[in-house]
Amino acid sequence: PLTTAINRRGHLEVGGCDLVDLAYKYGTPLFVVDEETIRAKCQQYVQAFRHLEEDAEIIYASKAFGALAVCQIIREEGLFVDVSTGGELYVALRSGFPPHQIYFHGNNKTEEEIEFGLREEVGTFVVDGLQELDLLDRLSGRGGRRTDILLRITPGIETSTHKYIQTGQIIDNKFGFPLYMGMA
């Protein structure tokens, strides 16, 4: 973090907080984040992309760390948020994100989660397959609601990585509409 320092006692500090004192007070393991660093990184992204495209939407993936306070900082810095569960959606809304700044991702959204997103008027649903597209169509039609969607595409690219984290390959992919079948 930007505010990391060694204090007079020889202890590591982040944001002016002595980490040894925090460990005694709260126990370990302890997760400490630095607001100044988060804000600075957000500002770097915004400046870099808005320099190229004024209307660029910089979207934070809340699955990286979706704590309420972090989401509030992200929102205050002008980023949008990507959520992939009903719980993440709840936190994004509680942190003050306007629904139009929320992208609802995730390849296993339940009917209840989709209903929740529609009820809260989430800006965009990212759809992973025909079954989800049909469900979203049925549920949105029920209330006469409309929503924007993005289709996640499986490009059919083979990679040399661990088989459990591969995405984008041709066969057995749970993410997206496969290009090779003409579905996208």
N, C-alpha and C. Protein backbone atom coordinates (compact mmCIF):
# COMPACT_ATOMS: atom_id res chain seq x y z
N PRO A 1 0.82 -1.21 0.00
CA PRO A 1 0.00 0.00 0.00
C PRO A 1 0.86 1.27 0.00
N LEU A 2 0.31 2.33 -0.53
CA LEU A 2 1.02 3.60 -0.64
C LEU A 2 1.44 4.17 0.71
N THR A 3 0.67 3.90 1.74
CA THR A 3 0.93 4.51 3.05
C THR A 3 1.74 3.61 3.97
N THR A 4 2.35 2.56 3.43
CA THR A 4 3.13 1.64 4.25
C THR A 4 4.40 2.32 4.76
N ALA A 5 4.67 2.14 6.05
CA ALA A 5 5.86 2.72 6.65
C ALA A 5 6.26 1.89 7.87
N ILE A 6 7.47 2.12 8.33
CA ILE A 6 7.95 1.54 9.58
C ILE A 6 7.91 2.67 10.61
N ASN A 7 7.24 2.43 11.73
CA ASN A 7 7.11 3.49 12.74
C ASN A 7 8.30 3.49 13.71
N ARG A 8 8.27 4.39 14.71
CA ARG A 8 9.35 4.54 15.70
C ARG A 8 9.60 3.25 16.47
N ARG A 9 8.58 2.45 16.63
CA ARG A 9 8.71 1.20 17.39
C ARG A 9 9.24 0.05 16.52
N GLY A 10 9.48 0.35 15.24
CA GLY A 10 9.95 -0.69 14.32
C GLY A 10 8.84 -1.57 13.79
N HIS A 11 7.60 -1.12 13.96
CA HIS A 11 6.44 -1.88 13.49
C HIS A 11 5.98 -1.36 12.13
N LEU A 12 5.44 -2.25 11.36
CA LEU A 12 4.86 -1.89 10.07
C LEU A 12 3.55 -1.15 10.30
N GLU A 13 3.36 -0.06 9.55
CA GLU A 13 2.11 0.70 9.59
C GLU A 13 1.50 0.75 8.20
N VAL A 14 0.20 0.79 8.15
CA VAL A 14 -0.55 1.04 6.91
C VAL A 14 -1.59 2.09 7.26
N GLY A 15 -1.59 3.17 6.51
CA GLY A 15 -2.56 4.24 6.76
C GLY A 15 -2.43 4.84 8.14
N GLY A 16 -1.21 4.84 8.69
CA GLY A 16 -1.00 5.39 10.02
C GLY A 16 -1.38 4.45 11.15
N CYS A 17 -1.80 3.25 10.82
CA CYS A 17 -2.21 2.27 11.85
C CYS A 17 -1.10 1.24 12.05
N ASP A 18 -0.70 1.06 13.28
CA ASP A 18 0.32 0.09 13.65
C ASP A 18 -0.28 -1.32 13.51
N LEU A 19 0.32 -2.13 12.63
CA LEU A 19 -0.24 -3.45 12.37
C LEU A 19 -0.10 -4.40 13.55
N VAL A 20 0.92 -4.23 14.36
CA VAL A 20 1.06 -5.06 15.56
C VAL A 20 -0.08 -4.74 16.53
N ASP A 21 -0.35 -3.44 16.71
CA ASP A 21 -1.46 -3.04 17.58
C ASP A 21 -2.79 -3.58 17.06
N LEU A 22 -2.98 -3.52 15.75
CA LEU A 22 -4.23 -4.04 15.16
C LEU A 22 -4.34 -5.55 15.40
N ALA A 23 -3.22 -6.26 15.27
CA ALA A 23 -3.24 -7.71 15.49
C ALA A 23 -3.59 -8.04 16.94
N TYR A 24 -3.05 -7.29 17.88
CA TYR A 24 -3.40 -7.51 19.30
C TYR A 24 -4.87 -7.20 19.56
N LYS A 25 -5.35 -6.14 18.94
CA LYS A 25 -6.73 -5.71 19.18
C LYS A 25 -7.75 -6.64 18.53
N TYR A 26 -7.48 -7.05 17.28
CA TYR A 26 -8.48 -7.81 16.51
C TYR A 26 -8.12 -9.28 16.30
N GLY A 27 -6.90 -9.65 16.61
CA GLY A 27 -6.47 -11.03 16.36
C GLY A 27 -5.96 -11.20 14.95
N THR A 28 -5.44 -12.40 14.71
CA THR A 28 -4.95 -12.72 13.37
C THR A 28 -5.57 -14.04 12.92
N PRO A 29 -5.68 -14.29 11.66
CA PRO A 29 -5.28 -13.40 10.58
C PRO A 29 -6.18 -12.17 10.51
N LEU A 30 -5.65 -11.10 9.97
CA LEU A 30 -6.36 -9.83 9.87
C LEU A 30 -6.15 -9.27 8.48
N PHE A 31 -7.21 -8.85 7.87
CA PHE A 31 -7.14 -8.27 6.53
C PHE A 31 -7.22 -6.76 6.67
N VAL A 32 -6.18 -6.06 6.23
CA VAL A 32 -6.11 -4.60 6.33
C VAL A 32 -6.01 -4.03 4.92
N VAL A 33 -6.86 -3.06 4.62
CA VAL A 33 -6.80 -2.39 3.32
C VAL A 33 -6.51 -0.91 3.55
N ASP A 34 -5.94 -0.29 2.54
CA ASP A 34 -5.56 1.11 2.63
C ASP A 34 -6.44 1.93 1.70
N GLU A 35 -7.28 2.76 2.28
CA GLU A 35 -8.21 3.58 1.50
C GLU A 35 -7.47 4.45 0.48
N GLU A 36 -6.38 5.05 0.89
CA GLU A 36 -5.63 5.94 -0.01
C GLU A 36 -5.17 5.19 -1.26
N THR A 37 -4.69 3.96 -1.07
CA THR A 37 -4.22 3.16 -2.21
C THR A 37 -5.38 2.78 -3.12
N ILE A 38 -6.49 2.37 -2.54
CA ILE A 38 -7.66 2.01 -3.35
C ILE A 38 -8.11 3.20 -4.18
N ARG A 39 -8.22 4.36 -3.55
CA ARG A 39 -8.64 5.57 -4.28
C ARG A 39 -7.65 5.92 -5.38
N ALA A 40 -6.37 5.85 -5.09
CA ALA A 40 -5.36 6.19 -6.09
C ALA A 40 -5.43 5.26 -7.29
N LYS A 41 -5.60 3.96 -7.04
CA LYS A 41 -5.69 2.99 -8.14
C LYS A 41 -6.95 3.22 -8.97
N CYS A 42 -8.06 3.51 -8.31
CA CYS A 42 -9.30 3.82 -9.04
C CYS A 42 -9.09 5.04 -9.93
N GLN A 43 -8.47 6.08 -9.39
CA GLN A 43 -8.24 7.30 -10.15
C GLN A 43 -7.33 7.05 -11.34
N GLN A 44 -6.33 6.18 -11.18
CA GLN A 44 -5.46 5.84 -12.30
C GLN A 44 -6.24 5.18 -13.43
N TYR A 45 -7.11 4.24 -13.08
CA TYR A 45 -7.93 3.58 -14.10
C TYR A 45 -8.84 4.58 -14.80
N VAL A 46 -9.51 5.40 -14.02
CA VAL A 46 -10.44 6.38 -14.60
C VAL A 46 -9.70 7.32 -15.54
N GLN A 47 -8.57 7.85 -15.11
CA GLN A 47 -7.82 8.78 -15.95
C GLN A 47 -7.30 8.11 -17.21
N ALA A 48 -6.80 6.89 -17.08
CA ALA A 48 -6.24 6.18 -18.24
C ALA A 48 -7.30 5.90 -19.29
N PHE A 49 -8.46 5.40 -18.87
CA PHE A 49 -9.47 5.02 -19.85
C PHE A 49 -10.29 6.20 -20.34
N ARG A 50 -10.58 7.14 -19.48
CA ARG A 50 -11.35 8.31 -19.91
C ARG A 50 -10.52 9.17 -20.85
N HIS A 51 -9.21 9.07 -20.76
CA HIS A 51 -8.33 9.77 -21.69
C HIS A 51 -8.55 9.22 -23.11
N LEU A 52 -8.82 7.94 -23.20
CA LEU A 52 -9.06 7.30 -24.50
C LEU A 52 -10.50 7.42 -24.94
N GLU A 53 -11.42 7.29 -24.00
CA GLU A 53 -12.86 7.32 -24.31
C GLU A 53 -13.59 7.99 -23.15
N GLU A 54 -14.13 9.17 -23.42
CA GLU A 54 -14.74 9.97 -22.36
C GLU A 54 -15.85 9.24 -21.61
N ASP A 55 -16.62 8.41 -22.31
CA ASP A 55 -17.75 7.71 -21.69
C ASP A 55 -17.38 6.30 -21.21
N ALA A 56 -16.10 6.01 -21.11
CA ALA A 56 -15.67 4.66 -20.69
C ALA A 56 -16.24 4.33 -19.32
N GLU A 57 -16.71 3.11 -19.18
CA GLU A 57 -17.18 2.61 -17.89
C GLU A 57 -16.12 1.68 -17.32
N ILE A 58 -15.55 2.06 -16.20
CA ILE A 58 -14.58 1.22 -15.53
C ILE A 58 -15.36 0.42 -14.50
N ILE A 59 -15.27 -0.90 -14.59
CA ILE A 59 -16.13 -1.77 -13.80
C ILE A 59 -15.28 -2.60 -12.84
N TYR A 60 -15.55 -2.48 -11.56
CA TYR A 60 -14.85 -3.22 -10.52
C TYR A 60 -15.54 -4.56 -10.30
N ALA A 61 -14.77 -5.64 -10.33
CA ALA A 61 -15.32 -6.97 -10.06
C ALA A 61 -15.38 -7.17 -8.55
N SER A 62 -16.57 -7.10 -7.99
CA SER A 62 -16.71 -7.16 -6.53
C SER A 62 -16.27 -8.50 -5.95
N LYS A 63 -16.18 -9.54 -6.79
CA LYS A 63 -15.71 -10.82 -6.25
C LYS A 63 -14.24 -10.72 -5.83
N ALA A 64 -13.52 -9.70 -6.30
CA ALA A 64 -12.14 -9.50 -5.86
C ALA A 64 -12.09 -9.16 -4.38
N PHE A 65 -12.98 -8.28 -3.93
CA PHE A 65 -13.12 -7.95 -2.51
C PHE A 65 -14.33 -7.04 -2.40
N GLY A 66 -15.45 -7.62 -2.03
CA GLY A 66 -16.71 -6.89 -2.05
C GLY A 66 -17.19 -6.40 -0.71
N ALA A 67 -16.28 -6.00 0.16
CA ALA A 67 -16.70 -5.45 1.46
C ALA A 67 -17.46 -4.15 1.24
N LEU A 68 -18.42 -3.88 2.09
CA LEU A 68 -19.26 -2.70 1.98
C LEU A 68 -18.42 -1.42 1.87
N ALA A 69 -17.46 -1.23 2.76
CA ALA A 69 -16.64 -0.01 2.75
C ALA A 69 -15.84 0.11 1.46
N VAL A 70 -15.31 -1.00 0.95
CA VAL A 70 -14.55 -0.97 -0.30
C VAL A 70 -15.47 -0.59 -1.45
N CYS A 71 -16.66 -1.16 -1.49
CA CYS A 71 -17.61 -0.82 -2.55
C CYS A 71 -18.01 0.66 -2.48
N GLN A 72 -18.13 1.21 -1.29
CA GLN A 72 -18.45 2.63 -1.15
C GLN A 72 -17.33 3.48 -1.75
N ILE A 73 -16.09 3.12 -1.48
CA ILE A 73 -14.95 3.86 -2.04
C ILE A 73 -14.96 3.76 -3.56
N ILE A 74 -15.15 2.56 -4.07
CA ILE A 74 -15.17 2.32 -5.51
C ILE A 74 -16.24 3.21 -6.17
N ARG A 75 -17.43 3.24 -5.57
CA ARG A 75 -18.52 4.06 -6.10
C ARG A 75 -18.14 5.54 -6.07
N GLU A 76 -17.61 6.00 -4.94
CA GLU A 76 -17.23 7.41 -4.79
C GLU A 76 -16.19 7.83 -5.83
N GLU A 77 -15.38 6.88 -6.28
CA GLU A 77 -14.35 7.19 -7.27
C GLU A 77 -14.87 7.09 -8.70
N GLY A 78 -16.15 6.81 -8.87
CA GLY A 78 -16.76 6.85 -10.20
C GLY A 78 -16.75 5.56 -10.98
N LEU A 79 -16.39 4.45 -10.34
CA LEU A 79 -16.41 3.18 -11.05
C LEU A 79 -17.80 2.56 -10.99
N PHE A 80 -18.07 1.64 -11.91
CA PHE A 80 -19.25 0.81 -11.88
C PHE A 80 -18.86 -0.46 -11.13
N VAL A 81 -19.82 -1.36 -10.92
CA VAL A 81 -19.50 -2.59 -10.20
C VAL A 81 -20.10 -3.80 -10.91
N ASP A 82 -19.35 -4.89 -10.90
CA ASP A 82 -19.78 -6.16 -11.45
C ASP A 82 -20.03 -7.09 -10.27
N VAL A 83 -21.23 -7.65 -10.19
CA VAL A 83 -21.58 -8.59 -9.12
C VAL A 83 -21.90 -9.94 -9.75
N SER A 84 -21.73 -11.00 -8.97
CA SER A 84 -22.04 -12.32 -9.54
C SER A 84 -22.94 -13.16 -8.65
N THR A 85 -23.40 -12.60 -7.54
CA THR A 85 -24.34 -13.31 -6.67
C THR A 85 -25.34 -12.32 -6.11
N GLY A 86 -26.42 -12.84 -5.56
CA GLY A 86 -27.39 -11.99 -4.90
C GLY A 86 -26.79 -11.26 -3.71
N GLY A 87 -25.88 -11.91 -2.99
CA GLY A 87 -25.20 -11.28 -1.87
C GLY A 87 -24.35 -10.10 -2.30
N GLU A 88 -23.61 -10.28 -3.38
CA GLU A 88 -22.80 -9.17 -3.91
C GLU A 88 -23.69 -8.04 -4.40
N LEU A 89 -24.82 -8.38 -5.01
CA LEU A 89 -25.77 -7.36 -5.46
C LEU A 89 -26.29 -6.58 -4.26
N TYR A 90 -26.64 -7.27 -3.19
CA TYR A 90 -27.12 -6.63 -1.98
C TYR A 90 -26.09 -5.63 -1.44
N VAL A 91 -24.83 -6.06 -1.38
CA VAL A 91 -23.76 -5.18 -0.87
C VAL A 91 -23.59 -3.97 -1.79
N ALA A 92 -23.61 -4.18 -3.09
CA ALA A 92 -23.47 -3.06 -4.03
C ALA A 92 -24.58 -2.04 -3.84
N LEU A 93 -25.80 -2.51 -3.69
CA LEU A 93 -26.92 -1.60 -3.47
C LEU A 93 -26.79 -0.89 -2.13
N ARG A 94 -26.42 -1.62 -1.09
CA ARG A 94 -26.25 -1.02 0.24
C ARG A 94 -25.13 0.01 0.26
N SER A 95 -24.13 -0.18 -0.59
CA SER A 95 -23.01 0.77 -0.63
C SER A 95 -23.36 2.02 -1.42
N GLY A 96 -24.55 2.04 -1.99
CA GLY A 96 -25.02 3.25 -2.66
C GLY A 96 -24.89 3.26 -4.17
N PHE A 97 -24.51 2.13 -4.77
CA PHE A 97 -24.43 2.11 -6.23
C PHE A 97 -25.81 2.29 -6.82
N PRO A 98 -25.98 3.24 -7.75
CA PRO A 98 -27.24 3.30 -8.48
C PRO A 98 -27.38 2.03 -9.32
N PRO A 99 -28.57 1.47 -9.42
CA PRO A 99 -28.73 0.21 -10.16
C PRO A 99 -28.17 0.25 -11.58
N HIS A 100 -28.24 1.40 -12.25
CA HIS A 100 -27.74 1.45 -13.63
C HIS A 100 -26.22 1.32 -13.71
N GLN A 101 -25.52 1.39 -12.57
CA GLN A 101 -24.07 1.22 -12.55
C GLN A 101 -23.67 -0.18 -12.11
N ILE A 102 -24.63 -1.10 -12.11
CA ILE A 102 -24.36 -2.48 -11.68
C ILE A 102 -24.52 -3.43 -12.86
N TYR A 103 -23.51 -4.28 -13.05
CA TYR A 103 -23.55 -5.37 -14.02
C TYR A 103 -23.71 -6.66 -13.23
N PHE A 104 -24.73 -7.45 -13.56
CA PHE A 104 -24.98 -8.70 -12.84
C PHE A 104 -24.45 -9.85 -13.68
N HIS A 105 -23.29 -10.35 -13.30
CA HIS A 105 -22.58 -11.42 -13.98
C HIS A 105 -22.89 -12.74 -13.30
N GLY A 106 -22.20 -13.79 -13.67
CA GLY A 106 -22.30 -15.06 -12.96
C GLY A 106 -23.05 -16.10 -13.76
N ASN A 107 -22.47 -17.28 -13.86
CA ASN A 107 -23.05 -18.32 -14.70
C ASN A 107 -24.03 -19.22 -13.96
N ASN A 108 -24.27 -18.96 -12.71
CA ASN A 108 -25.21 -19.80 -11.95
C ASN A 108 -26.24 -18.96 -11.20
N LYS A 109 -26.69 -17.89 -11.81
CA LYS A 109 -27.69 -17.05 -11.16
C LYS A 109 -28.98 -17.85 -10.97
N THR A 110 -29.52 -17.79 -9.76
CA THR A 110 -30.78 -18.48 -9.49
C THR A 110 -31.95 -17.62 -9.96
N GLU A 111 -33.11 -18.24 -10.03
CA GLU A 111 -34.32 -17.49 -10.38
C GLU A 111 -34.55 -16.36 -9.38
N GLU A 112 -34.31 -16.64 -8.11
CA GLU A 112 -34.50 -15.62 -7.07
C GLU A 112 -33.53 -14.46 -7.24
N GLU A 113 -32.29 -14.76 -7.61
CA GLU A 113 -31.30 -13.70 -7.81
C GLU A 113 -31.66 -12.84 -9.02
N ILE A 114 -32.12 -13.48 -10.09
CA ILE A 114 -32.53 -12.72 -11.27
C ILE A 114 -33.73 -11.84 -10.94
N GLU A 115 -34.69 -12.40 -10.22
CA GLU A 115 -35.85 -11.60 -9.78
C GLU A 115 -35.41 -10.40 -8.95
N PHE A 116 -34.49 -10.63 -8.02
CA PHE A 116 -33.96 -9.56 -7.18
C PHE A 116 -33.33 -8.47 -8.05
N GLY A 117 -32.52 -8.88 -9.01
CA GLY A 117 -31.89 -7.92 -9.91
C GLY A 117 -32.89 -7.14 -10.73
N LEU A 118 -33.91 -7.82 -11.22
CA LEU A 118 -34.96 -7.14 -11.99
C LEU A 118 -35.75 -6.18 -11.10
N ARG A 119 -36.09 -6.62 -9.91
CA ARG A 119 -36.84 -5.78 -8.98
C ARG A 119 -36.06 -4.51 -8.63
N GLU A 120 -34.76 -4.65 -8.50
CA GLU A 120 -33.90 -3.50 -8.15
C GLU A 120 -33.47 -2.71 -9.38
N GLU A 121 -33.90 -3.17 -10.56
CA GLU A 121 -33.63 -2.50 -11.84
C GLU A 121 -32.14 -2.40 -12.14
N VAL A 122 -31.44 -3.52 -11.94
CA VAL A 122 -30.02 -3.60 -12.28
C VAL A 122 -29.83 -3.15 -13.72
N GLY A 123 -28.75 -2.42 -13.96
CA GLY A 123 -28.50 -1.85 -15.27
C GLY A 123 -28.32 -2.87 -16.37
N THR A 124 -27.49 -3.88 -16.14
CA THR A 124 -27.16 -4.83 -17.19
C THR A 124 -26.97 -6.23 -16.61
N PHE A 125 -27.59 -7.20 -17.24
CA PHE A 125 -27.35 -8.61 -16.92
C PHE A 125 -26.37 -9.16 -17.95
N VAL A 126 -25.35 -9.87 -17.48
CA VAL A 126 -24.42 -10.55 -18.37
C VAL A 126 -24.88 -12.00 -18.42
N VAL A 127 -25.27 -12.45 -19.61
CA VAL A 127 -25.93 -13.74 -19.80
C VAL A 127 -24.93 -14.76 -20.33
N ASP A 128 -24.93 -15.95 -19.71
CA ASP A 128 -23.97 -17.00 -20.04
C ASP A 128 -24.50 -18.11 -20.93
N GLY A 129 -25.79 -18.21 -21.11
CA GLY A 129 -26.30 -19.31 -21.91
C GLY A 129 -27.78 -19.15 -22.23
N LEU A 130 -28.26 -20.04 -23.10
CA LEU A 130 -29.66 -19.97 -23.54
C LEU A 130 -30.64 -20.17 -22.40
N GLN A 131 -30.34 -21.07 -21.48
CA GLN A 131 -31.24 -21.32 -20.36
C GLN A 131 -31.42 -20.04 -19.53
N GLU A 132 -30.32 -19.36 -19.26
CA GLU A 132 -30.41 -18.11 -18.50
C GLU A 132 -31.13 -17.03 -19.30
N LEU A 133 -30.86 -16.97 -20.60
CA LEU A 133 -31.53 -15.98 -21.44
C LEU A 133 -33.04 -16.21 -21.45
N ASP A 134 -33.46 -17.47 -21.57
CA ASP A 134 -34.89 -17.79 -21.54
C ASP A 134 -35.50 -17.43 -20.19
N LEU A 135 -34.80 -17.74 -19.10
CA LEU A 135 -35.29 -17.42 -17.76
C LEU A 135 -35.41 -15.91 -17.57
N LEU A 136 -34.42 -15.18 -17.99
CA LEU A 136 -34.45 -13.72 -17.87
C LEU A 136 -35.59 -13.14 -18.70
N ASP A 137 -35.80 -13.68 -19.89
CA ASP A 137 -36.90 -13.22 -20.74
C ASP A 137 -38.24 -13.48 -20.07
N ARG A 138 -38.41 -14.68 -19.52
CA ARG A 138 -39.67 -15.04 -18.86
C ARG A 138 -39.92 -14.16 -17.64
N LEU A 139 -38.90 -14.00 -16.80
CA LEU A 139 -39.07 -13.23 -15.57
C LEU A 139 -39.27 -11.74 -15.84
N SER A 140 -38.55 -11.21 -16.80
CA SER A 140 -38.72 -9.78 -17.09
C SER A 140 -40.07 -9.53 -17.75
N GLY A 141 -40.54 -10.48 -18.54
CA GLY A 141 -41.85 -10.33 -19.17
C GLY A 141 -42.99 -10.38 -18.18
N ARG A 142 -42.78 -11.12 -17.10
CA ARG A 142 -43.80 -11.26 -16.06
C ARG A 142 -44.19 -9.91 -15.47
N GLY A 143 -43.22 -9.06 -15.27
CA GLY A 143 -43.51 -7.75 -14.68
C GLY A 143 -43.49 -6.63 -15.70
N GLY A 144 -43.44 -6.98 -16.96
CA GLY A 144 -43.38 -5.97 -17.99
C GLY A 144 -42.09 -5.15 -17.92
N ARG A 145 -41.04 -5.76 -17.39
CA ARG A 145 -39.77 -5.05 -17.22
C ARG A 145 -38.84 -5.32 -18.39
N ARG A 146 -37.98 -4.37 -18.63
CA ARG A 146 -36.95 -4.53 -19.66
C ARG A 146 -35.60 -4.32 -18.99
N THR A 147 -34.61 -4.96 -19.54
CA THR A 147 -33.26 -4.78 -19.01
C THR A 147 -32.26 -4.91 -20.14
N ASP A 148 -31.13 -4.28 -19.98
CA ASP A 148 -30.04 -4.43 -20.95
C ASP A 148 -29.32 -5.74 -20.64
N ILE A 149 -28.81 -6.37 -21.69
CA ILE A 149 -28.03 -7.59 -21.50
C ILE A 149 -26.74 -7.51 -22.30
N LEU A 150 -25.76 -8.22 -21.83
CA LEU A 150 -24.54 -8.51 -22.58
C LEU A 150 -24.46 -10.02 -22.67
N LEU A 151 -24.06 -10.53 -23.82
CA LEU A 151 -23.88 -11.97 -23.98
C LEU A 151 -22.41 -12.30 -23.79
N ARG A 152 -22.13 -13.26 -22.93
CA ARG A 152 -20.76 -13.71 -22.73
C ARG A 152 -20.46 -14.74 -23.82
N ILE A 153 -19.40 -14.50 -24.55
CA ILE A 153 -19.04 -15.33 -25.69
C ILE A 153 -17.87 -16.24 -25.32
N THR A 154 -17.97 -17.50 -25.74
CA THR A 154 -16.87 -18.44 -25.61
C THR A 154 -16.16 -18.48 -26.96
N PRO A 155 -14.95 -17.92 -27.03
CA PRO A 155 -14.29 -17.79 -28.33
C PRO A 155 -13.69 -19.07 -28.89
N GLY A 156 -13.56 -20.11 -28.07
CA GLY A 156 -12.99 -21.36 -28.57
C GLY A 156 -11.47 -21.32 -28.62
N ILE A 157 -10.87 -20.77 -27.59
CA ILE A 157 -9.42 -20.66 -27.52
C ILE A 157 -8.89 -21.67 -26.51
N GLU A 158 -7.98 -22.49 -26.95
CA GLU A 158 -7.35 -23.45 -26.04
C GLU A 158 -6.15 -22.78 -25.38
N THR A 159 -5.98 -23.02 -24.08
CA THR A 159 -4.86 -22.43 -23.35
C THR A 159 -4.09 -23.50 -22.60
N SER A 160 -2.86 -23.20 -22.30
CA SER A 160 -2.03 -24.11 -21.52
C SER A 160 -2.04 -23.65 -20.07
N THR A 161 -3.04 -24.08 -19.35
CA THR A 161 -3.15 -23.76 -17.94
C THR A 161 -3.84 -24.92 -17.24
N HIS A 162 -3.99 -24.83 -15.95
CA HIS A 162 -4.65 -25.89 -15.20
C HIS A 162 -6.08 -26.06 -15.70
N LYS A 163 -6.49 -27.29 -15.91
CA LYS A 163 -7.80 -27.55 -16.53
C LYS A 163 -8.97 -27.01 -15.72
N TYR A 164 -8.82 -26.84 -14.41
CA TYR A 164 -9.93 -26.37 -13.59
C TYR A 164 -10.15 -24.86 -13.66
N ILE A 165 -9.18 -24.14 -14.20
CA ILE A 165 -9.36 -22.69 -14.31
C ILE A 165 -9.43 -22.22 -15.76
N GLN A 166 -9.48 -23.16 -16.70
CA GLN A 166 -9.59 -22.79 -18.10
C GLN A 166 -10.97 -22.22 -18.40
N THR A 167 -11.00 -21.17 -19.16
CA THR A 167 -12.24 -20.63 -19.71
C THR A 167 -11.97 -20.27 -21.16
N GLY A 168 -12.99 -20.30 -21.97
CA GLY A 168 -12.84 -19.91 -23.36
C GLY A 168 -12.55 -21.04 -24.32
N GLN A 169 -12.32 -22.26 -23.82
CA GLN A 169 -12.03 -23.37 -24.72
C GLN A 169 -13.30 -23.83 -25.43
N ILE A 170 -13.13 -24.69 -26.40
CA ILE A 170 -14.24 -25.10 -27.25
C ILE A 170 -15.20 -26.06 -26.53
N ILE A 171 -14.67 -27.07 -25.87
CA ILE A 171 -15.51 -28.13 -25.31
C ILE A 171 -15.65 -27.98 -23.80
N ASP A 172 -16.82 -28.35 -23.29
CA ASP A 172 -17.07 -28.39 -21.85
C ASP A 172 -16.87 -27.05 -21.15
N ASN A 173 -17.36 -26.00 -21.75
CA ASN A 173 -17.21 -24.69 -21.11
C ASN A 173 -18.54 -24.26 -20.53
N LYS A 174 -18.55 -23.94 -19.25
CA LYS A 174 -19.78 -23.51 -18.60
C LYS A 174 -20.00 -22.01 -18.73
N PHE A 175 -19.06 -21.31 -19.34
CA PHE A 175 -19.16 -19.86 -19.46
C PHE A 175 -19.44 -19.45 -20.89
N GLY A 176 -20.57 -18.85 -21.15
CA GLY A 176 -20.81 -18.18 -22.42
C GLY A 176 -21.42 -18.99 -23.53
N PHE A 177 -21.69 -18.26 -24.61
CA PHE A 177 -22.25 -18.81 -25.84
C PHE A 177 -21.09 -19.18 -26.76
N PRO A 178 -21.00 -20.44 -27.20
CA PRO A 178 -19.88 -20.86 -28.03
C PRO A 178 -19.98 -20.34 -29.46
N LEU A 179 -18.91 -19.72 -29.93
CA LEU A 179 -18.86 -19.21 -31.30
C LEU A 179 -18.93 -20.34 -32.32
N TYR A 180 -18.26 -21.47 -32.03
CA TYR A 180 -18.15 -22.54 -33.02
C TYR A 180 -19.51 -23.16 -33.36
N MET A 181 -20.49 -23.02 -32.48
CA MET A 181 -21.82 -23.57 -32.76
C MET A 181 -22.74 -22.55 -33.41
N GLY A 182 -22.23 -21.35 -33.63
CA GLY A 182 -23.05 -20.30 -34.23
C GLY A 182 -24.07 -19.72 -33.27
N MET A 183 -23.88 -19.88 -31.97
CA MET A 183 -24.84 -19.38 -30.98
C MET A 183 -24.61 -17.91 -30.66
N ALA A 184 -23.45 -17.41 -31.02
CA ALA A 184 -23.15 -16.01 -30.68
C ALA A 184 -23.07 -15.17 -31.93
